[in-house]
Amino acid sequence: MPRAVLWSAFGLSLAAYLNYILLHLQARKTDVPTAIGAAGLIILCLSPRISIGLRSRVAQFFGRVSYSLYLVHGVVLLALMDMFFGRQPKWGIGVLYGVVSVALSYLFCLAIEEPAHRTVCGNSLRRCRSKVSITTLPTHE
């Protein structure tokens, strides 16, 4: 498949995934476009012919901070909504939310998450995986 077609499909998938934000819909009727867009993004990112795959520096960065981002995004959203809702346009709050969430998650990753990993695992994740054991919980019958 030609590279231009792949990039066009990527753009359409991204637009479908972000349909709620891009179209400023007041009420979501369905999540089908978002699901189709997410599936398209996953398929296209795994394509060896498109250079934005999961091996890109951006993808590596977000893979590194993803858990920290998961932990801090809610607090950032609530704080920004409390400070700026009704005083700033929603798109401005959204942009600020994205920037602050990523920046704070990076700092959280450097200051807390990665030192905790090193404390538990040392420098090797393989050793860490061998230390972690899965135990089964007793069932109450």
Foldseek 3Di string as FASTA:
>chain_A
DDPVVLVVLLVQLVCLLCVCVVVVDPDDPDCVSNVSSVVSNQVSLPDPSHPNHCPDPVNVLCVLLVVLLVVCLVVLLVVLCVVPPPNDDPVVSVVVSVVVSSVRSVVCSVPPVVVVCCVQQNPDVVSNVVVDDDDDDDDDD
